Amino acid sequence: MQYHHHIILGVFFLGFLCPAIADDMPNWNEQTLTGDWGGARNQLYRQGVDIGITHISDLLSDVAGGIKRGSAWEGHTEARITMDMDKMLGMDATTIYIQYNSDLGAKFNRDYAGGFFRVDNNEVTENTGQFFDAWIQKNFFHNILSLKAGLYPIDSEFYVTDTTHIFMQPTYGMSNEFAQAGKNGPPIFPYGTPAVRVKLTSPGNSFYVLGALTNGMPGNPNSHDGTQIIIDGSLKVMEFGYTPQPVEPEEVNKAQEQAERFNKTAVGFWRFSSRFDDLVDVDAAGNPVRRRSQGAYFLSEHSLYLEPGHPGQGLAGFFRIGFASADINRADWTSSAGLRYHGLIPGRDDDIAGLAVTINHTSDKFRVKNNAESRETDFELTYSAQIKPWLELQPDLQFIIHPNMKPGVNNAWVMGLRTEVTF
């Protein structure tokens, strides 16, 4: 089943047919490279259509260890359309979102670094373009209940920590122990899949319950070209979160209200309906025993320090740990921790520095069967410099101990430079 690319063109024409409604406008000329498009962006925005285009280029170099030394380029481009259906058609608290991705470049981790689950969150198995999101969301009871349905990636809402977005390693999006699971992985980048998601939020937004039922095999394991949907089993995911909101005195100033705060604790559980081959155990007929693929995770992130007089700047930290079925997976648990500082260098208030470490623990059965190392440990030091509101440059340094848990492979040093442009 293929999605037709001309759906995006239809959105543009639909936007112009809808009545204009005044709203606060983003400053396109300041925040994007291409500006307001001669007034077209403002016109569309008033009518409920918000268009975004971003390109990311990554230059990576294995300077020591890993599979072999060498350098490569990887690129990711995404086009996003958000439609406010209340403005467009009078459908209250209803949103449609579509995102199309194009991914190109070398396979740096596969050919050079050799890590367990990539060193760059833009690396894909095969260069292609495809729809990542295409869903409709309807909120009820002043946003206490939210329903979403369509083409959906779970890493947009599940297992999410905002403090980790700065890092280039993909484990700081969807953690490696969950990302390895399933016939073609769970529905995470680069694959969305048909799904239904429900979210309940307490009044005051302090607690939430998030659940999703998705197709059990996103994409097509035999072909990565374009958007493909093959229905094969299901994946159930549930997350319970606590996000207490700060209580401020009435006289708090505007800057303090806009402080960058992180305060989230959550636990999650997941299970595939399909069963998978045990790594070692066989039945009486000599066939692999079939096992459940399931897991659980815990995450916590918090602001640790807010700079006086500059509440948008300061130090935050995170901790995450997740478990996956040890009988069928290479890694039975993964744990990450780290720090990020917004505005570390005086005069560079919009820059963000980050330091993180991840341990990928090898399951006993995989270790014995493959004579593997007991774990792979990954370090990442990164710094995102906001050169212009629409331009970020991000130098990155990674150190990988026991890449892919393979004995005899030297520890890898990887240097990278990310360039992100918002059009």
Protein backbone atom coordinates (compact mmCIF):
# COMPACT_ATOMS: atom_id res chain seq x y z
CA MET A 1 0.00 0.00 0.00
CA GLN A 2 1.52 3.32 -1.06
CA TYR A 3 0.65 6.89 -0.02
CA HIS A 4 0.40 9.33 -2.93
CA HIS A 5 2.71 12.32 -2.69
CA HIS A 6 0.19 14.73 -4.22
CA ILE A 7 -1.67 14.85 -0.86
CA ILE A 8 0.64 17.74 0.11
CA LEU A 9 -0.46 19.82 -2.88
CA GLY A 10 -4.07 19.31 -1.88
CA VAL A 11 -3.34 20.76 1.54
CA PHE A 12 -2.01 23.99 -0.01
CA PHE A 13 -5.14 24.53 -2.12
CA LEU A 14 -7.44 23.63 0.77
CA GLY A 15 -5.78 26.25 2.94
CA PHE A 16 -6.55 29.05 0.48
CA LEU A 17 -10.23 28.10 0.36
CA CYS A 18 -10.77 28.52 4.10
CA PRO A 19 -11.81 31.77 5.80
CA ALA A 20 -9.01 33.80 7.35
CA ILE A 21 -8.83 34.11 11.11
CA ALA A 22 -6.41 36.51 12.79
CA ASP A 23 -3.79 34.97 15.03
CA ASP A 24 -0.37 35.71 16.43
CA MET A 25 2.12 35.14 13.66
CA PRO A 26 5.53 33.51 13.89
CA ASN A 27 8.29 35.77 12.64
CA TRP A 28 9.06 33.81 9.47
CA ASN A 29 11.65 36.29 8.23
CA GLU A 30 13.66 35.93 11.42
CA GLN A 31 13.09 32.27 12.25
CA THR A 32 13.46 30.72 8.77
CA LEU A 33 15.91 31.00 5.89
CA THR A 34 13.25 31.48 3.20
CA GLY A 35 11.04 33.94 5.11
CA ASP A 36 7.33 34.55 4.60
CA TRP A 37 7.22 33.48 0.95
CA GLY A 38 5.82 36.83 -0.14
CA GLY A 39 3.04 36.73 2.46
CA ALA A 40 1.87 33.20 1.60
CA ARG A 41 2.97 31.76 4.94
CA ASN A 42 1.05 34.37 6.93
CA GLN A 43 -2.03 33.80 4.79
CA LEU A 44 -1.90 30.04 5.26
CA TYR A 45 -1.24 30.38 8.99
CA ARG A 46 -4.32 32.58 9.47
CA GLN A 47 -6.33 29.91 7.71
CA GLY A 48 -5.01 27.12 9.96
CA VAL A 49 -2.14 25.74 7.85
CA ASP A 50 1.40 25.78 9.28
CA ILE A 51 4.19 24.54 6.99
CA GLY A 52 7.68 23.64 8.15
CA ILE A 53 10.74 22.41 6.24
CA THR A 54 14.00 21.35 7.89
CA HIS A 55 17.22 19.91 6.52
CA ILE A 56 19.95 18.24 8.58
CA SER A 57 23.40 17.35 7.22
CA ASP A 58 25.79 15.25 9.29
CA LEU A 59 29.50 14.84 8.57
CA LEU A 60 30.93 11.91 10.54
CA SER A 61 34.40 10.49 10.87
CA ASP A 62 35.68 7.35 12.56
CA VAL A 63 39.08 8.55 13.76
CA ALA A 64 40.05 5.40 15.68
CA GLY A 65 38.77 1.86 16.26
CA GLY A 66 35.46 0.45 15.11
CA ILE A 67 35.25 -1.44 11.80
CA LYS A 68 37.54 0.91 9.91
CA ARG A 69 38.60 4.52 9.79
CA GLY A 70 36.85 6.83 7.37
CA SER A 71 34.35 9.64 6.89
CA ALA A 72 30.85 9.90 5.48
CA TRP A 73 27.86 12.24 5.00
CA GLU A 74 24.26 11.56 5.99
CA GLY A 75 21.31 13.85 5.27
CA HIS A 76 17.72 14.15 6.44
CA THR A 77 15.04 16.47 5.07
CA GLU A 78 11.49 16.73 6.41
CA ALA A 79 8.43 18.64 5.27
CA ARG A 80 5.66 19.14 7.86
CA ILE A 81 2.11 20.41 7.58
CA THR A 82 -0.07 21.07 10.63
CA MET A 83 -3.73 21.87 10.00
CA ASP A 84 -5.94 23.49 12.66
CA MET A 85 -9.31 22.10 11.64
CA ASP A 86 -11.17 24.55 13.88
CA LYS A 87 -9.88 27.45 11.78
CA MET A 88 -10.27 25.59 8.52
CA LEU A 89 -13.64 23.84 8.91
CA GLY A 90 -14.98 24.71 12.36
CA MET A 91 -14.01 21.31 13.84
CA ASP A 92 -13.22 22.19 17.45
CA ALA A 93 -9.95 20.94 19.02
CA THR A 94 -9.06 18.89 15.94
CA THR A 95 -5.64 18.74 14.30
CA ILE A 96 -4.28 17.00 11.22
CA TYR A 97 -0.54 16.50 10.93
CA ILE A 98 1.47 15.16 7.97
CA GLN A 99 5.23 14.72 7.79
CA TYR A 100 7.23 13.46 4.82
CA ASN A 101 10.91 12.53 5.22
CA SER A 102 13.70 12.11 2.70
CA ASP A 103 16.88 10.38 3.89
CA LEU A 104 20.10 10.13 1.91
CA GLY A 105 23.78 9.45 2.40
CA ALA A 106 26.16 6.74 3.53
CA LYS A 107 25.65 4.08 6.18
CA PHE A 108 28.29 5.31 8.59
CA ASN A 109 27.63 3.01 11.52
CA ARG A 110 27.29 -0.07 9.32
CA ASP A 111 30.51 0.59 7.41
CA TYR A 112 32.74 2.43 9.90
CA ALA A 113 31.81 2.73 13.59
CA GLY A 114 30.03 -0.62 13.96
CA GLY A 115 28.01 0.28 17.07
CA PHE A 116 25.10 -1.77 18.40
CA PHE A 117 22.39 0.62 17.25
CA ARG A 118 23.94 3.37 15.13
CA VAL A 119 25.75 6.51 16.21
CA ASP A 120 23.62 8.96 14.18
CA ASN A 121 19.85 9.27 14.55
CA ASN A 122 19.54 10.16 10.84
CA GLU A 123 21.04 6.92 9.50
CA VAL A 124 18.53 4.64 7.77
CA THR A 125 18.82 1.16 6.26
CA GLU A 126 18.14 2.34 2.70
CA ASN A 127 17.94 5.82 1.17
CA THR A 128 14.34 6.69 0.40
CA GLY A 129 11.50 9.13 0.93
CA GLN A 130 8.40 8.21 2.89
CA PHE A 131 5.55 9.50 5.04
CA PHE A 132 6.45 9.34 8.72
CA ASP A 133 3.24 10.85 10.17
CA ALA A 134 -0.24 11.23 8.74
CA TRP A 135 -2.76 11.41 11.57
CA ILE A 136 -5.79 13.24 12.93
CA GLN A 137 -6.15 14.18 16.60
CA LYS A 138 -9.30 15.20 18.44
CA ASN A 139 -9.29 16.55 22.00
CA PHE A 140 -12.25 16.52 24.40
CA PHE A 141 -13.19 18.04 27.77
CA HIS A 142 -10.68 20.92 27.65
CA ASN A 143 -7.89 18.57 26.49
CA ILE A 144 -8.34 16.06 29.30
CA LEU A 145 -9.02 13.33 26.71
CA SER A 146 -7.12 13.13 23.43
CA LEU A 147 -7.62 10.61 20.61
CA LYS A 148 -5.28 10.17 17.67
CA ALA A 149 -5.48 7.83 14.65
CA GLY A 150 -3.51 7.34 11.47
CA LEU A 151 0.10 6.78 10.44
CA TYR A 152 1.94 7.25 13.73
CA PRO A 153 5.43 6.73 15.22
CA ILE A 154 5.40 5.90 18.93
CA ASP A 155 8.69 7.72 19.62
CA SER A 156 6.87 11.02 19.10
CA GLU A 157 5.14 10.60 22.50
CA PHE A 158 6.28 7.40 24.24
CA TYR A 159 9.63 7.08 26.05
CA VAL A 160 10.25 10.80 25.42
CA THR A 161 12.62 12.97 27.45
CA ASP A 162 13.00 16.54 26.23
CA THR A 163 16.46 16.91 27.78
CA THR A 164 17.87 14.25 25.43
CA HIS A 165 16.82 15.77 22.08
CA ILE A 166 20.17 17.47 21.66
CA PHE A 167 22.12 14.19 21.34
CA MET A 168 22.90 12.58 17.99
CA GLN A 169 22.88 8.95 19.13
CA PRO A 170 19.43 7.45 18.45
CA THR A 171 19.17 5.80 21.88
CA TYR A 172 18.29 9.21 23.35
CA GLY A 173 15.12 9.12 21.27
CA MET A 174 13.82 5.56 21.47
CA SER A 175 16.09 3.58 23.76
CA ASN A 176 18.05 0.72 22.17
CA GLU A 177 16.45 -2.17 24.06
CA PHE A 178 13.01 -1.24 22.71
CA ALA A 179 14.28 -0.13 19.29
CA GLN A 180 15.75 -3.61 18.61
CA ALA A 181 12.43 -5.39 19.17
CA GLY A 182 9.94 -6.68 16.58
CA LYS A 183 10.15 -8.02 13.03
CA ASN A 184 11.19 -4.65 11.60
CA GLY A 185 11.57 -2.73 14.82
CA PRO A 186 8.75 -0.86 16.56
CA PRO A 187 7.09 2.10 14.77
CA ILE A 188 9.87 4.63 15.30
CA PHE A 189 12.02 6.67 12.90
CA PRO A 190 12.04 6.16 9.97
CA TYR A 191 8.76 4.21 10.04
CA GLY A 192 5.31 5.29 11.13
CA THR A 193 2.52 2.71 11.05
CA PRO A 194 -1.30 2.59 11.37
CA ALA A 195 -2.18 3.16 15.01
CA VAL A 196 -4.75 4.42 17.49
CA ARG A 197 -3.53 6.44 20.47
CA VAL A 198 -5.46 7.65 23.52
CA LYS A 199 -4.25 10.05 26.24
CA LEU A 200 -5.90 11.02 29.52
CA THR A 201 -4.52 14.02 31.40
CA SER A 202 -5.51 15.11 34.89
CA PRO A 203 -6.81 18.65 35.47
CA GLY A 204 -3.72 20.75 36.02
CA ASN A 205 -1.66 18.45 33.77
CA SER A 206 0.16 16.76 36.67
CA PHE A 207 -0.64 13.15 35.68
CA TYR A 208 -1.25 11.41 32.38
CA VAL A 209 -1.99 7.96 30.99
CA LEU A 210 -0.90 7.27 27.41
CA GLY A 211 -1.80 4.15 25.45
CA ALA A 212 -1.46 3.03 21.84
CA LEU A 213 -2.35 0.03 19.70
CA THR A 214 -0.24 -0.10 16.55
CA ASN A 215 0.50 -2.40 13.65
CA GLY A 216 3.10 -4.94 14.76
CA MET A 217 5.45 -4.55 11.79
CA PRO A 218 6.10 -1.03 10.47
CA GLY A 219 7.35 -0.74 6.91
CA ASN A 220 8.44 -3.76 4.88
CA PRO A 221 11.52 -5.77 5.97
CA ASN A 222 12.12 -6.84 2.37
CA SER A 223 11.86 -3.40 0.78
CA HIS A 224 12.57 0.00 2.28
CA ASP A 225 11.49 2.03 -0.75
CA GLY A 226 8.72 4.54 -0.07
CA THR A 227 5.83 4.32 2.37
CA GLN A 228 4.71 0.70 2.71
CA ILE A 229 2.16 -0.80 5.06
CA ILE A 230 1.89 -4.52 5.76
CA ILE A 231 -0.45 -5.49 8.60
CA ASP A 232 1.24 -8.14 10.74
CA GLY A 233 0.24 -8.53 14.37
CA SER A 234 0.09 -5.67 16.82
CA LEU A 235 2.07 -3.74 19.40
CA LYS A 236 0.53 -2.45 22.61
CA VAL A 237 2.23 0.36 24.53
CA MET A 238 1.18 2.01 27.79
CA GLU A 239 2.83 4.85 29.72
CA PHE A 240 1.97 6.44 33.07
CA GLY A 241 3.54 9.81 33.78
CA TYR A 242 3.85 12.45 36.47
CA THR A 243 4.62 16.00 35.32
CA PRO A 244 3.96 18.33 38.28
CA GLN A 245 3.40 21.93 37.27
CA PRO A 246 5.20 24.74 39.13
CA VAL A 247 3.07 26.88 41.43
CA GLU A 248 4.10 30.50 40.99
CA PRO A 249 3.01 33.54 43.03
CA GLU A 250 0.75 35.95 41.21
CA GLU A 251 3.44 38.62 41.07
CA VAL A 252 5.90 36.37 39.19
CA ASN A 253 7.40 38.18 36.25
CA LYS A 254 6.94 37.26 32.62
CA ALA A 255 10.45 35.88 32.24
CA GLN A 256 10.00 33.47 35.14
CA GLU A 257 6.75 32.21 33.63
CA GLN A 258 8.68 31.31 30.49
CA ALA A 259 11.44 29.45 32.35
CA GLU A 260 12.70 26.27 30.76
CA ARG A 261 11.75 23.63 33.32
CA PHE A 262 11.98 19.86 33.11
CA ASN A 263 10.03 17.78 35.60
CA LYS A 264 8.86 14.41 34.36
CA THR A 265 8.79 10.88 35.72
CA ALA A 266 7.18 8.01 33.81
CA VAL A 267 6.96 4.22 33.55
CA GLY A 268 5.97 2.33 30.43
CA PHE A 269 5.14 -1.20 29.29
CA TRP A 270 5.01 -2.77 25.82
CA ARG A 271 4.25 -6.11 24.17
CA PHE A 272 4.13 -7.48 20.62
CA SER A 273 1.34 -9.94 19.78
CA SER A 274 3.69 -12.03 17.60
CA ARG A 275 6.11 -14.53 19.08
CA PHE A 276 9.80 -14.77 18.19
CA ASP A 277 12.49 -17.47 18.13
CA ASP A 278 14.42 -18.11 21.32
CA LEU A 279 18.13 -17.48 20.82
CA VAL A 280 19.08 -20.92 22.23
CA ASP A 281 16.19 -23.10 23.40
CA VAL A 282 14.54 -25.59 21.04
CA ASP A 283 11.50 -27.86 21.38
CA ALA A 284 11.35 -31.65 21.05
CA ALA A 285 11.34 -31.37 17.25
CA GLY A 286 14.46 -29.23 17.26
CA ASN A 287 12.67 -26.01 16.35
CA PRO A 288 13.35 -22.78 18.28
CA VAL A 289 10.97 -22.19 21.16
CA ARG A 290 8.69 -19.24 20.42
CA ARG A 291 8.78 -16.44 23.01
CA ARG A 292 6.93 -13.23 23.80
CA SER A 293 8.62 -9.93 22.97
CA GLN A 294 7.83 -7.48 25.72
CA GLY A 295 9.44 -4.96 28.01
CA ALA A 296 9.20 -2.08 30.46
CA TYR A 297 10.96 1.22 31.05
CA PHE A 298 11.42 4.04 33.53
CA LEU A 299 12.48 7.62 32.85
CA SER A 300 13.04 10.76 34.86
CA GLU A 301 14.26 14.23 33.93
CA HIS A 302 14.51 17.34 36.08
CA SER A 303 15.79 20.89 36.06
CA LEU A 304 18.70 21.07 38.48
CA TYR A 305 19.59 24.75 38.31
CA LEU A 306 18.00 27.87 36.74
CA GLU A 307 20.25 30.87 36.26
CA PRO A 308 19.04 33.85 38.31
CA GLY A 309 17.56 36.45 36.00
CA HIS A 310 17.82 34.05 33.03
CA PRO A 311 15.17 31.37 33.68
CA GLY A 312 15.48 30.03 30.14
CA GLN A 313 19.03 28.96 30.94
CA GLY A 314 20.41 26.41 33.32
CA LEU A 315 21.29 22.78 34.04
CA ALA A 316 19.03 19.74 33.65
CA GLY A 317 19.63 16.02 34.05
CA PHE A 318 18.00 12.74 33.03
CA PHE A 319 18.02 9.03 33.79
CA ARG A 320 16.42 6.25 31.72
CA ILE A 321 16.42 2.47 31.97
CA GLY A 322 14.52 -0.13 29.97
CA PHE A 323 14.23 -3.92 29.84
CA ALA A 324 13.45 -6.28 26.94
CA SER A 325 12.92 -10.04 26.70
CA ALA A 326 16.30 -11.64 27.35
CA ASP A 327 15.46 -14.91 25.55
CA ILE A 328 15.15 -13.33 22.09
CA ASN A 329 17.10 -10.04 22.09
CA ARG A 330 20.76 -9.07 21.90
CA ALA A 331 20.39 -6.47 24.68
CA ASP A 332 18.19 -7.30 27.66
CA TRP A 333 18.50 -3.84 29.22
CA THR A 334 19.75 -0.39 28.34
CA SER A 335 20.37 2.49 30.74
CA SER A 336 21.26 6.13 30.01
CA ALA A 337 22.08 9.18 32.09
CA GLY A 338 23.31 12.65 31.31
CA LEU A 339 23.35 16.40 31.73
CA ARG A 340 22.57 19.32 29.44
CA TYR A 341 23.21 23.01 30.03
CA HIS A 342 21.33 25.75 28.16
CA GLY A 343 23.49 28.87 27.93
CA LEU A 344 26.70 27.45 29.38
CA ILE A 345 28.99 30.06 27.78
CA PRO A 346 28.36 33.74 28.65
CA GLY A 347 27.03 35.59 25.62
CA ARG A 348 25.87 32.35 23.96
CA ASP A 349 22.45 32.20 25.63
CA ASP A 350 20.77 29.99 23.01
CA ASP A 351 23.49 27.33 22.82
CA ILE A 352 23.09 23.94 24.51
CA ALA A 353 25.86 21.63 25.75
CA GLY A 354 25.28 17.97 26.58
CA LEU A 355 27.12 14.99 28.06
CA ALA A 356 25.57 11.51 28.24
CA VAL A 357 26.47 7.85 28.70
CA THR A 358 24.55 4.70 27.73
CA ILE A 359 25.12 1.08 28.75
CA ASN A 360 23.70 -1.64 26.48
CA HIS A 361 23.78 -4.90 28.43
CA THR A 362 24.12 -8.14 26.46
CA SER A 363 21.61 -10.88 27.26
CA ASP A 364 23.16 -14.06 28.65
CA LYS A 365 21.92 -16.27 25.80
CA PHE A 366 23.26 -13.96 23.10
CA ARG A 367 26.58 -13.56 24.91
CA VAL A 368 27.14 -17.31 25.28
CA LYS A 369 25.93 -18.19 21.77
CA ASN A 370 28.07 -15.52 20.08
CA ASN A 371 30.99 -15.30 22.53
CA ALA A 372 30.03 -11.63 22.84
CA GLU A 373 31.18 -8.94 25.22
CA SER A 374 28.93 -8.35 28.23
CA ARG A 375 28.01 -4.82 27.17
CA GLU A 376 28.58 -1.88 24.86
CA THR A 377 29.07 1.48 26.57
CA ASP A 378 28.59 4.72 24.62
CA PHE A 379 29.66 8.23 25.61
CA GLU A 380 28.61 11.40 23.81
CA LEU A 381 29.75 15.00 24.27
CA THR A 382 27.95 17.55 22.11
CA TYR A 383 27.43 21.30 21.73
CA SER A 384 24.64 22.90 19.70
CA ALA A 385 25.53 26.46 18.64
CA GLN A 386 22.62 28.66 17.50
CA ILE A 387 24.33 30.72 14.78
CA LYS A 388 21.07 32.20 13.47
CA PRO A 389 17.47 31.48 14.54
CA TRP A 390 17.28 29.24 11.45
CA LEU A 391 20.82 27.78 11.58
CA GLU A 392 22.43 25.44 14.11
CA LEU A 393 25.94 23.99 14.04
CA GLN A 394 26.62 21.06 16.34
CA PRO A 395 30.08 19.51 16.83
CA ASP A 396 29.86 16.07 18.41
CA LEU A 397 32.29 13.56 19.96
CA GLN A 398 31.48 9.92 20.73
CA PHE A 399 33.43 7.09 22.35
CA ILE A 400 32.13 3.52 21.96
CA ILE A 401 33.49 0.72 24.16
CA HIS A 402 33.08 -2.80 22.72
CA PRO A 403 31.18 -1.79 19.53
CA ASN A 404 28.24 -4.13 18.90
CA MET A 405 29.48 -6.34 21.77
CA LYS A 406 31.90 -7.99 19.32
CA PRO A 407 35.17 -9.26 20.82
CA GLY A 408 38.31 -8.13 19.03
CA VAL A 409 36.78 -4.87 17.71
CA ASN A 410 38.68 -1.86 19.00
CA ASN A 411 36.91 0.88 20.89
CA ALA A 412 35.72 3.55 18.45
CA TRP A 413 36.20 7.31 18.49
CA VAL A 414 33.73 9.21 16.31
CA MET A 415 33.75 12.92 15.50
CA GLY A 416 30.81 14.63 13.86
CA LEU A 417 29.41 17.95 12.76
CA ARG A 418 25.68 18.52 12.32
CA THR A 419 24.25 21.43 10.35
CA GLU A 420 20.52 22.08 10.75
CA VAL A 421 18.67 24.61 8.60
CA THR A 422 15.03 25.65 8.97
CA PHE A 423 13.58 26.88 5.68
